[in-house]
Amino acid sequence: MNISEGKDQETNLLRDMIDFMARALVDYPENVEVKELAGGMTSIIELKVAKTDVGKVIGRYGVTADAMRMLLSSAGTKIRKRAVLDIID
């Protein structure tokens, strides 16, 4: 395994982490889609859920979304990569 393969696995872990959290929160886990737009030092993780589940992922006053973003940011810091969560409605 070379260094770039290791980095790909690490960013896959970030995507999988968001996927796992979102599926645990929603009523329709089969509709959860997580995509990654990878850049040099920044990855944008796009989360798309069923329209009826958007509120569950965002949470009251955005608290759930903020918590997911904080966990993603913390995990990204560990692998020295900036990660941003974008929730698509």
C-alpha atoms as a PDB file:
ATOM      1  CA  MET A   1       0.000   0.000   0.000  1.00  0.00           C
ATOM      2  CA  ASN A   2       1.440   3.361  -0.965  1.00  0.00           C
ATOM      3  CA  ILE A   3       0.783   6.672   0.772  1.00  0.00           C
ATOM      4  CA  SER A   4      -2.013   7.773  -1.594  1.00  0.00           C
ATOM      5  CA  GLU A   5      -3.915   4.508  -1.028  1.00  0.00           C
ATOM      6  CA  GLY A   6      -3.706   5.105   2.719  1.00  0.00           C
ATOM      7  CA  LYS A   7      -5.121   8.602   2.352  1.00  0.00           C
ATOM      8  CA  ASP A   8      -7.982   7.261   0.203  1.00  0.00           C
ATOM      9  CA  GLN A   9      -8.837   4.727   2.902  1.00  0.00           C
ATOM     10  CA  GLU A  10      -8.775   7.447   5.551  1.00  0.00           C
ATOM     11  CA  THR A  11     -11.183   9.685   3.621  1.00  0.00           C
ATOM     12  CA  ASN A  12     -13.387   6.638   2.998  1.00  0.00           C
ATOM     13  CA  LEU A  13     -13.550   6.262   6.764  1.00  0.00           C
ATOM     14  CA  LEU A  14     -14.847   9.830   7.065  1.00  0.00           C
ATOM     15  CA  ARG A  15     -17.528   9.116   4.468  1.00  0.00           C
ATOM     16  CA  ASP A  16     -18.444   5.842   6.164  1.00  0.00           C
ATOM     17  CA  MET A  17     -18.671   7.572   9.544  1.00  0.00           C
ATOM     18  CA  ILE A  18     -21.212  10.097   8.207  1.00  0.00           C
ATOM     19  CA  ASP A  19     -23.116   7.302   6.460  1.00  0.00           C
ATOM     20  CA  PHE A  20     -23.311   5.309   9.701  1.00  0.00           C
ATOM     21  CA  MET A  21     -24.514   8.288  11.759  1.00  0.00           C
ATOM     22  CA  ALA A  22     -27.114   9.339   9.192  1.00  0.00           C
ATOM     23  CA  ARG A  23     -28.541   5.824   8.829  1.00  0.00           C
ATOM     24  CA  ALA A  24     -28.913   5.600  12.612  1.00  0.00           C
ATOM     25  CA  LEU A  25     -30.887   8.866  12.724  1.00  0.00           C
ATOM     26  CA  VAL A  26     -33.355   8.527   9.845  1.00  0.00           C
ATOM     27  CA  ASP A  27     -36.551   6.556   9.249  1.00  0.00           C
ATOM     28  CA  TYR A  28     -35.543   5.571   5.699  1.00  0.00           C
ATOM     29  CA  PRO A  29     -31.891   4.463   5.850  1.00  0.00           C
ATOM     30  CA  GLU A  30     -32.092   3.014   2.342  1.00  0.00           C
ATOM     31  CA  ASN A  31     -32.413   6.580   0.984  1.00  0.00           C
ATOM     32  CA  VAL A  32     -29.185   7.819   2.580  1.00  0.00           C
ATOM     33  CA  GLU A  33     -26.565   8.831   0.015  1.00  0.00           C
ATOM     34  CA  VAL A  34     -23.106  10.026   0.959  1.00  0.00           C
ATOM     35  CA  LYS A  35     -20.714  11.354  -1.665  1.00  0.00           C
ATOM     36  CA  GLU A  36     -17.243  12.762  -1.292  1.00  0.00           C
ATOM     37  CA  LEU A  37     -15.786  15.570  -3.352  1.00  0.00           C
ATOM     38  CA  ALA A  38     -12.086  15.205  -2.686  1.00  0.00           C
ATOM     39  CA  GLY A  39      -9.632  18.025  -3.063  1.00  0.00           C
ATOM     40  CA  GLY A  40      -6.019  18.410  -2.082  1.00  0.00           C
ATOM     41  CA  MET A  41      -6.299  19.017   1.645  1.00  0.00           C
ATOM     42  CA  THR A  42     -10.080  19.401   1.839  1.00  0.00           C
ATOM     43  CA  SER A  43     -12.896  16.915   1.361  1.00  0.00           C
ATOM     44  CA  ILE A  44     -16.528  17.897   1.051  1.00  0.00           C
ATOM     45  CA  ILE A  45     -18.857  15.174   2.257  1.00  0.00           C
ATOM     46  CA  GLU A  46     -22.334  15.550   0.752  1.00  0.00           C
ATOM     47  CA  LEU A  47     -25.198  13.932   2.643  1.00  0.00           C
ATOM     48  CA  LYS A  48     -28.558  13.399   0.979  1.00  0.00           C
ATOM     49  CA  VAL A  49     -31.539  11.848   2.796  1.00  0.00           C
ATOM     50  CA  ALA A  50     -35.271  11.486   2.130  1.00  0.00           C
ATOM     51  CA  LYS A  51     -37.192  14.751   2.329  1.00  0.00           C
ATOM     52  CA  THR A  52     -39.040  13.562   5.428  1.00  0.00           C
ATOM     53  CA  ASP A  53     -35.721  12.806   7.179  1.00  0.00           C
ATOM     54  CA  VAL A  54     -33.946  16.112   6.601  1.00  0.00           C
ATOM     55  CA  GLY A  55     -35.226  17.511   9.892  1.00  0.00           C
ATOM     56  CA  LYS A  56     -33.918  14.500  11.796  1.00  0.00           C
ATOM     57  CA  VAL A  57     -30.434  14.919  10.356  1.00  0.00           C
ATOM     58  CA  ILE A  58     -30.367  18.660  10.998  1.00  0.00           C
ATOM     59  CA  GLY A  59     -32.025  18.490  14.420  1.00  0.00           C
ATOM     60  CA  ARG A  60     -33.627  21.215  16.470  1.00  0.00           C
ATOM     61  CA  TYR A  61     -31.769  24.506  15.924  1.00  0.00           C
ATOM     62  CA  GLY A  62     -29.186  22.559  13.876  1.00  0.00           C
ATOM     63  CA  VAL A  63     -27.704  20.857  16.927  1.00  0.00           C
ATOM     64  CA  THR A  64     -27.507  17.390  15.342  1.00  0.00           C
ATOM     65  CA  ALA A  65     -25.905  18.708  12.150  1.00  0.00           C
ATOM     66  CA  ASP A  66     -23.416  20.732  14.202  1.00  0.00           C
ATOM     67  CA  ALA A  67     -22.493  17.633  16.213  1.00  0.00           C
ATOM     68  CA  MET A  68     -21.960  15.617  13.025  1.00  0.00           C
ATOM     69  CA  ARG A  69     -19.802  18.418  11.617  1.00  0.00           C
ATOM     70  CA  MET A  70     -17.730  18.572  14.798  1.00  0.00           C
ATOM     71  CA  LEU A  71     -17.104  14.818  14.761  1.00  0.00           C
ATOM     72  CA  LEU A  72     -16.197  14.966  11.082  1.00  0.00           C
ATOM     73  CA  SER A  73     -13.832  17.858  11.683  1.00  0.00           C
ATOM     74  CA  SER A  74     -12.187  16.077  14.613  1.00  0.00           C
ATOM     75  CA  ALA A  75     -11.720  12.881  12.622  1.00  0.00           C
ATOM     76  CA  GLY A  76     -10.359  14.901   9.699  1.00  0.00           C
ATOM     77  CA  THR A  77      -7.846  16.605  11.973  1.00  0.00           C
ATOM     78  CA  LYS A  78      -6.507  13.219  12.992  1.00  0.00           C
ATOM     79  CA  ILE A  79      -5.672  12.400   9.365  1.00  0.00           C
ATOM     80  CA  ARG A  80      -4.544  15.975   8.633  1.00  0.00           C
ATOM     81  CA  LYS A  81      -7.341  16.664   6.192  1.00  0.00           C
ATOM     82  CA  ARG A  82     -10.053  19.310   6.416  1.00  0.00           C
ATOM     83  CA  ALA A  83     -13.512  17.804   6.025  1.00  0.00           C
ATOM     84  CA  VAL A  84     -16.755  19.715   5.515  1.00  0.00           C
ATOM     85  CA  LEU A  85     -20.279  18.281   5.757  1.00  0.00           C
ATOM     86  CA  ASP A  86     -22.864  19.572   3.295  1.00  0.00           C
ATOM     87  CA  ILE A  87     -26.457  18.415   3.836  1.00  0.00           C
ATOM     88  CA  ILE A  88     -28.384  18.432   0.555  1.00  0.00           C
ATOM     89  CA  ASP A  89     -32.146  18.953   0.802  1.00  0.00           C
END
